[in-house]
């Protein structure tokens, strides 16, 4: 009737098995497309896709979230071609760290990336480190929490993206990691740099403050900033190599922060470190995760060693 407010229409979508299968297939295709562009992470499954569909449920566009209980199926799908993580080789690692050490524009990034390579800590574990979490005398790093940055839009009155301090990924992730010599030097370099520039941590997150790795405003670093920095470093480092030679011996590949954790693992495997020690250092709760990485690394090492054997067997 005239003068009365229009009643809002609500639509419900009910999925049968065939439609549910189409949803699964669509999500698989999306995963493959993202992977092909190098933009896929597990967070796409666990957070983005599920949350998008959950919004549709909350807004009464669909009755149930069709991605409930299918994420496990997606991860097991044989048609999903996940890109294998690639560690930096020794020459690539040396090029990366040496470039950071000597380049006036990027030298301030050296400490955080050197710590990542030399400890194998996850990104949130590194960015969440406080000065009280490291003991320079004993040379130990106490990993007891992680720093996360995500969207809180669904938490009622809260809105936007901001940091929180969480417990570590698993109980096994609560650990102590020894400092290698260059890692200790990286911490010392960072401390000296902040003293010289008069930088101080200006942020408190869930009661935690005095973070080691901060930006020029005294705020905590987060993964997106670090990965953007890596992309710029790769570009400028490789450009510099081409200035010296038309065919450089070593160039930096495309990689992310997590590749540096994989690089640490690879160096440990190459050095013949005990598998249980590697598991403990990485904070893996399931040794099969460590064993899978170890198997990949030793397979590559074996192939490399066999390359030079052919001439020895020729008669």
Protein backbone atom coordinates (compact mmCIF):
# COMPACT_ATOMS: atom_id res chain seq x y z
CA UNK A 1 0.00 0.00 0.00
CA UNK A 2 1.08 3.60 -0.67
CA UNK A 3 3.04 5.15 2.19
CA UNK A 4 4.16 1.81 3.60
CA UNK A 5 7.82 0.80 3.34
CA UNK A 6 8.61 -1.81 0.74
CA UNK A 7 9.35 -5.22 2.21
CA UNK A 8 12.86 -6.41 1.46
CA UNK A 9 12.92 -9.60 -0.58
CA UNK A 10 15.04 -12.51 0.60
CA UNK A 11 16.19 -15.25 -1.77
CA UNK A 12 17.32 -18.69 -0.67
CA UNK A 13 19.49 -20.93 -2.81
CA UNK A 14 19.36 -24.67 -2.19
CA UNK A 15 22.10 -26.76 -3.73
CA UNK A 16 21.63 -30.33 -4.85
CA UNK A 17 24.57 -32.69 -5.31
CA UNK A 18 25.12 -31.69 -8.94
CA UNK A 19 25.20 -27.98 -8.04
CA UNK A 20 27.47 -28.67 -5.08
CA UNK A 21 29.88 -30.48 -7.43
CA UNK A 22 29.86 -27.45 -9.74
CA UNK A 23 30.76 -25.21 -6.80
CA UNK A 24 33.68 -27.48 -5.93
CA UNK A 25 34.85 -27.54 -9.55
CA UNK A 26 34.62 -23.74 -9.78
CA UNK A 27 36.70 -23.34 -6.64
CA UNK A 28 39.28 -25.78 -7.99
CA UNK A 29 39.52 -23.79 -11.24
CA UNK A 30 39.92 -20.56 -9.25
CA UNK A 31 42.74 -22.16 -7.25
CA UNK A 32 44.50 -23.27 -10.42
CA UNK A 33 44.20 -19.80 -11.97
CA UNK A 34 45.58 -18.14 -8.85
CA UNK A 35 48.42 -20.66 -8.69
CA UNK A 36 49.31 -20.03 -12.32
CA UNK A 37 49.66 -16.32 -11.45
CA UNK A 38 51.71 -17.11 -8.33
CA UNK A 39 48.95 -15.66 -6.13
CA UNK A 40 47.66 -18.81 -4.42
CA UNK A 41 48.22 -19.57 -0.75
CA UNK A 42 46.42 -21.86 1.71
CA UNK A 43 44.77 -18.73 3.07
CA UNK A 44 42.71 -18.58 -0.13
CA UNK A 45 41.05 -21.84 0.91
CA UNK A 46 40.87 -21.31 4.64
CA UNK A 47 39.89 -17.66 4.69
CA UNK A 48 38.92 -15.88 1.49
CA UNK A 49 36.69 -18.36 -0.34
CA UNK A 50 34.94 -19.58 2.78
CA UNK A 51 34.37 -16.04 4.09
CA UNK A 52 32.98 -14.77 0.80
CA UNK A 53 30.39 -17.54 0.76
CA UNK A 54 29.69 -17.04 4.46
CA UNK A 55 28.83 -13.41 3.76
CA UNK A 56 26.23 -14.67 1.27
CA UNK A 57 24.78 -16.86 4.04
CA UNK A 58 24.74 -13.96 6.52
CA UNK A 59 22.99 -11.75 3.95
CA UNK A 60 20.39 -14.48 3.29
CA UNK A 61 21.37 -14.96 -0.35
CA UNK A 62 22.04 -18.65 0.30
CA UNK A 63 20.89 -20.89 3.10
CA UNK A 64 24.10 -22.83 3.72
CA UNK A 65 27.75 -22.26 2.95
CA UNK A 66 28.48 -24.69 0.09
CA UNK A 67 32.20 -24.59 0.91
CA UNK A 68 31.62 -26.17 4.33
CA UNK A 69 33.31 -29.57 4.43
CA UNK A 70 34.54 -29.28 0.84
CA UNK A 71 37.83 -27.48 1.50
CA UNK A 72 39.32 -30.80 2.46
CA UNK A 73 38.13 -32.24 -0.86
CA UNK A 74 39.71 -29.30 -2.70
CA UNK A 75 43.09 -29.86 -1.09
CA UNK A 76 42.99 -33.53 -2.05
CA UNK A 77 41.86 -32.83 -5.62
CA UNK A 78 44.29 -34.37 -8.09
CA UNK A 79 43.40 -31.79 -10.71
CA UNK A 80 44.89 -28.95 -8.65
CA UNK A 81 48.41 -28.19 -9.79
CA UNK A 82 50.12 -26.58 -6.80
CA UNK A 83 53.40 -24.86 -7.49
CA UNK A 84 56.25 -26.43 -5.58
CA UNK A 85 58.02 -24.00 -3.29
CA UNK A 86 61.56 -23.31 -4.41
CA UNK A 87 64.43 -22.50 -2.08
CA UNK A 88 67.20 -20.14 -3.09
CA UNK A 89 70.37 -21.90 -4.18
CA UNK A 90 73.60 -21.05 -2.35
CA UNK A 91 74.75 -18.64 -5.09
CA UNK A 92 71.31 -16.98 -5.16
CA UNK A 93 71.30 -16.67 -1.38
CA UNK A 94 74.77 -15.09 -1.41
CA UNK A 95 73.77 -12.67 -4.18
CA UNK A 96 70.62 -11.67 -2.28
CA UNK A 97 72.34 -11.03 1.06
CA UNK A 98 75.40 -9.35 -0.45
CA UNK A 99 73.20 -7.04 -2.50
CA UNK A 100 71.29 -6.02 0.64
CA UNK A 101 74.48 -5.47 2.61
CA UNK A 102 76.04 -3.15 0.05
CA UNK A 103 73.14 -1.30 -1.56
CA UNK A 104 72.42 2.08 0.08
CA UNK A 105 68.71 1.94 -0.80
CA UNK A 106 68.07 -1.58 0.50
CA UNK A 107 70.63 -2.11 3.28
CA UNK A 108 67.98 -1.42 5.96
CA UNK A 109 66.20 -4.62 4.83
CA UNK A 110 69.25 -6.81 5.44
CA UNK A 111 68.63 -7.66 9.14
CA UNK A 112 65.05 -8.94 8.79
CA UNK A 113 65.77 -11.05 5.69
CA UNK A 114 69.05 -12.36 7.11
CA UNK A 115 67.16 -13.49 10.24
CA UNK A 116 64.55 -15.23 8.09
CA UNK A 117 67.18 -17.11 6.10
CA UNK A 118 69.24 -17.97 9.17
CA UNK A 119 66.44 -19.14 11.47
CA UNK A 120 63.65 -20.56 9.30
CA UNK A 121 61.08 -18.70 11.39
CA UNK A 122 57.66 -18.07 9.87
CA UNK A 123 56.97 -14.49 8.81
CA UNK A 124 54.64 -13.76 11.73
CA UNK A 125 57.15 -15.25 14.14
CA UNK A 126 59.89 -12.94 12.84
CA UNK A 127 57.79 -9.77 12.74
CA UNK A 128 56.45 -10.60 16.21
CA UNK A 129 59.90 -10.91 17.80
CA UNK A 130 60.59 -8.51 20.67
CA UNK A 131 63.99 -7.61 22.06
CA UNK A 132 63.13 -9.58 25.21
CA UNK A 133 62.62 -12.71 23.07
CA UNK A 134 66.29 -12.90 22.08
CA UNK A 135 69.22 -13.58 24.38
CA UNK A 136 72.40 -12.27 22.81
CA UNK A 137 74.61 -13.85 25.48
CA UNK A 138 73.30 -17.39 25.10
CA UNK A 139 72.56 -16.88 21.41
CA UNK A 140 68.98 -18.21 21.66
CA UNK A 141 65.72 -17.00 20.15
CA UNK A 142 62.54 -17.73 22.12
CA UNK A 143 59.61 -18.26 19.74
CA UNK A 144 56.45 -17.96 21.87
CA UNK A 145 53.88 -16.04 19.79
CA UNK A 146 53.14 -14.85 16.28
CA UNK A 147 52.00 -11.53 14.83
CA UNK A 148 49.02 -11.68 12.47
CA UNK A 149 47.38 -9.02 10.30
CA UNK A 150 43.89 -9.63 8.97
CA UNK A 151 40.39 -8.28 8.43
CA UNK A 152 38.21 -8.06 11.56
CA UNK A 153 35.10 -6.93 9.69
CA UNK A 154 33.01 -9.87 10.90
CA UNK A 155 33.66 -9.20 14.60
CA UNK A 156 30.72 -6.94 15.30
CA UNK A 157 31.85 -3.46 16.27
CA UNK A 158 35.42 -3.94 15.05
CA UNK A 159 36.29 -3.02 11.49
CA UNK A 160 39.22 -2.90 9.13
CA UNK A 161 42.56 -4.70 9.02
CA UNK A 162 44.90 -4.57 11.97
CA UNK A 163 47.39 -6.63 13.95
CA UNK A 164 46.81 -9.16 16.69
CA UNK A 165 49.20 -11.32 18.68
CA UNK A 166 48.29 -15.00 18.52
CA UNK A 167 49.72 -18.16 19.97
CA UNK A 168 52.11 -20.02 17.69
CA UNK A 169 50.70 -22.14 14.86
CA UNK A 170 50.97 -25.37 16.89
CA UNK A 171 52.33 -26.28 20.36
CA UNK A 172 55.44 -27.60 18.60
CA UNK A 173 56.00 -24.09 17.24
CA UNK A 174 56.77 -22.90 20.79
CA UNK A 175 60.52 -23.42 20.64
CA UNK A 176 63.99 -22.03 21.08
CA UNK A 177 66.15 -21.53 18.00
CA UNK A 178 69.94 -21.02 18.24
CA UNK A 179 71.40 -17.99 16.47
CA UNK A 180 73.93 -18.52 13.72
CA UNK A 181 76.78 -16.02 13.68
CA UNK A 182 75.38 -13.87 10.87
CA UNK A 183 71.94 -13.89 12.52
CA UNK A 184 73.40 -12.48 15.74
CA UNK A 185 75.22 -9.84 13.70
CA UNK A 186 71.94 -8.98 11.95
CA UNK A 187 70.23 -8.33 15.30
CA UNK A 188 73.18 -6.18 16.41
CA UNK A 189 73.05 -4.29 13.09
CA UNK A 190 69.32 -3.63 13.52
CA UNK A 191 69.77 -2.38 17.08
CA UNK A 192 72.60 -0.05 16.09
CA UNK A 193 70.65 1.28 13.12
CA UNK A 194 67.66 2.14 15.30
CA UNK A 195 69.88 3.85 17.86
CA UNK A 196 71.60 5.89 15.14
CA UNK A 197 68.25 6.98 13.66
CA UNK A 198 66.52 7.48 17.00
CA UNK A 199 63.89 4.88 16.11
CA UNK A 200 61.73 3.31 18.79
CA UNK A 201 58.77 0.92 18.72
CA UNK A 202 55.68 3.11 19.00
CA UNK A 203 53.03 0.39 18.94
CA UNK A 204 51.49 -1.92 21.54
CA UNK A 205 49.53 -4.92 20.24
CA UNK A 206 47.52 -6.99 22.71
CA UNK A 207 49.91 -5.94 25.45
CA UNK A 208 53.04 -6.75 23.37
CA UNK A 209 55.49 -3.99 22.46
CA UNK A 210 59.19 -3.36 21.82
CA UNK A 211 59.10 -5.27 18.53
CA UNK A 212 62.50 -5.70 16.89
CA UNK A 213 61.54 -5.12 13.26
CA UNK A 214 59.71 -1.83 12.83
CA UNK A 215 59.20 0.63 10.00
CA UNK A 216 60.33 4.25 9.99
CA UNK A 217 57.19 5.23 11.92
CA UNK A 218 57.92 2.78 14.73
CA UNK A 219 55.09 0.47 13.65
CA UNK A 220 55.29 -3.32 13.27
CA UNK A 221 56.20 -4.77 9.88
CA UNK A 222 53.83 -7.11 8.09
CA UNK A 223 54.11 -9.67 5.33
CA UNK A 224 52.71 -7.60 2.46
CA UNK A 225 55.31 -4.89 2.99
CA UNK A 226 58.12 -7.44 3.16
CA UNK A 227 57.02 -9.22 -0.01
CA UNK A 228 56.75 -5.90 -1.87
CA UNK A 229 60.27 -5.08 -0.76
CA UNK A 230 61.49 -8.46 -2.04
CA UNK A 231 59.97 -7.79 -5.47
CA UNK A 232 61.77 -4.45 -5.73
CA UNK A 233 65.03 -6.00 -4.52
CA UNK A 234 64.80 -8.78 -7.14
CA UNK A 235 64.19 -6.22 -9.89
CA UNK A 236 67.03 -3.87 -8.97
CA UNK A 237 69.49 -6.63 -8.09
CA UNK A 238 69.00 -8.34 -11.44
CA UNK A 239 69.22 -5.02 -13.29
CA UNK A 240 72.56 -4.45 -11.61
CA UNK A 241 73.79 -7.89 -12.66
CA UNK A 242 72.96 -7.12 -16.30
CA UNK A 243 74.94 -3.89 -16.06
CA UNK A 244 78.01 -5.98 -15.28
CA UNK A 245 77.41 -8.70 -17.85
CA UNK A 246 75.08 -9.56 -20.72
CA UNK A 247 74.93 -13.10 -19.37
CA UNK A 248 75.11 -12.99 -15.55
CA UNK A 249 76.16 -16.20 -13.80
CA UNK A 250 73.47 -15.75 -11.13
CA UNK A 251 70.14 -13.94 -11.09
CA UNK A 252 67.51 -13.82 -8.37
CA UNK A 253 64.35 -15.83 -9.13
CA UNK A 254 60.89 -14.71 -8.09
CA UNK A 255 60.36 -15.68 -4.44
CA UNK A 256 58.51 -14.63 -1.29
CA UNK A 257 59.16 -14.47 2.45
CA UNK A 258 58.13 -18.10 2.87
CA UNK A 259 60.78 -19.12 0.33
CA UNK A 260 63.38 -17.93 2.85
CA UNK A 261 62.06 -20.41 5.43
CA UNK A 262 62.36 -23.12 2.78
CA UNK A 263 65.87 -21.89 1.99
CA UNK A 264 66.89 -22.34 5.64
CA UNK A 265 65.47 -25.88 5.61
CA UNK A 266 67.34 -26.70 2.41
CA UNK A 267 70.69 -25.47 3.80
CA UNK A 268 70.17 -27.66 6.90
CA UNK A 269 69.40 -30.71 4.76
CA UNK A 270 72.43 -30.04 2.57
CA UNK A 271 74.60 -29.82 5.68
CA UNK A 272 73.36 -33.23 6.84
CA UNK A 273 71.66 -31.95 10.00
CA UNK A 274 69.67 -34.60 11.90
CA UNK A 275 66.03 -34.71 10.75
CA UNK A 276 64.69 -34.37 14.32
CA UNK A 277 66.82 -31.27 14.85
CA UNK A 278 65.40 -29.79 11.64
CA UNK A 279 61.86 -30.59 12.77
CA UNK A 280 62.43 -28.92 16.13
CA UNK A 281 64.06 -25.84 14.60
CA UNK A 282 61.17 -25.37 12.15
CA UNK A 283 58.46 -26.08 14.73
CA UNK A 284 56.81 -28.83 12.68
CA UNK A 285 54.32 -30.78 14.77
CA UNK A 286 54.25 -33.62 12.22
CA UNK A 287 57.62 -35.03 11.19
CA UNK A 288 56.13 -36.09 7.83
CA UNK A 289 56.12 -32.39 6.86
CA UNK A 290 59.86 -32.25 7.53
CA UNK A 291 60.48 -35.58 5.84
CA UNK A 292 58.71 -34.44 2.66
CA UNK A 293 60.98 -31.40 2.41
CA UNK A 294 64.03 -33.51 3.25
CA UNK A 295 63.12 -36.03 0.54
CA UNK A 296 62.77 -33.27 -2.08
CA UNK A 297 66.11 -31.72 -1.15
CA UNK A 298 68.06 -34.99 -1.06
CA UNK A 299 66.52 -35.99 -4.40
CA UNK A 300 67.82 -32.76 -5.97
CA UNK A 301 71.21 -33.23 -4.29
CA UNK A 302 71.46 -36.77 -5.63
CA UNK A 303 70.64 -35.65 -9.17
CA UNK A 304 73.27 -32.91 -8.94
CA UNK A 305 75.93 -35.33 -7.63
CA UNK A 306 75.22 -37.81 -10.42
CA UNK A 307 75.73 -35.19 -13.13
CA UNK A 308 79.49 -35.45 -12.87
CA UNK A 309 79.67 -39.22 -12.57
CA UNK A 310 79.08 -40.08 -16.22
CA UNK A 311 82.68 -39.44 -17.25
CA UNK A 312 83.98 -41.73 -14.49
CA UNK A 313 82.03 -44.71 -15.81
CA UNK A 314 82.99 -44.30 -19.45
CA UNK A 315 85.38 -46.99 -20.72
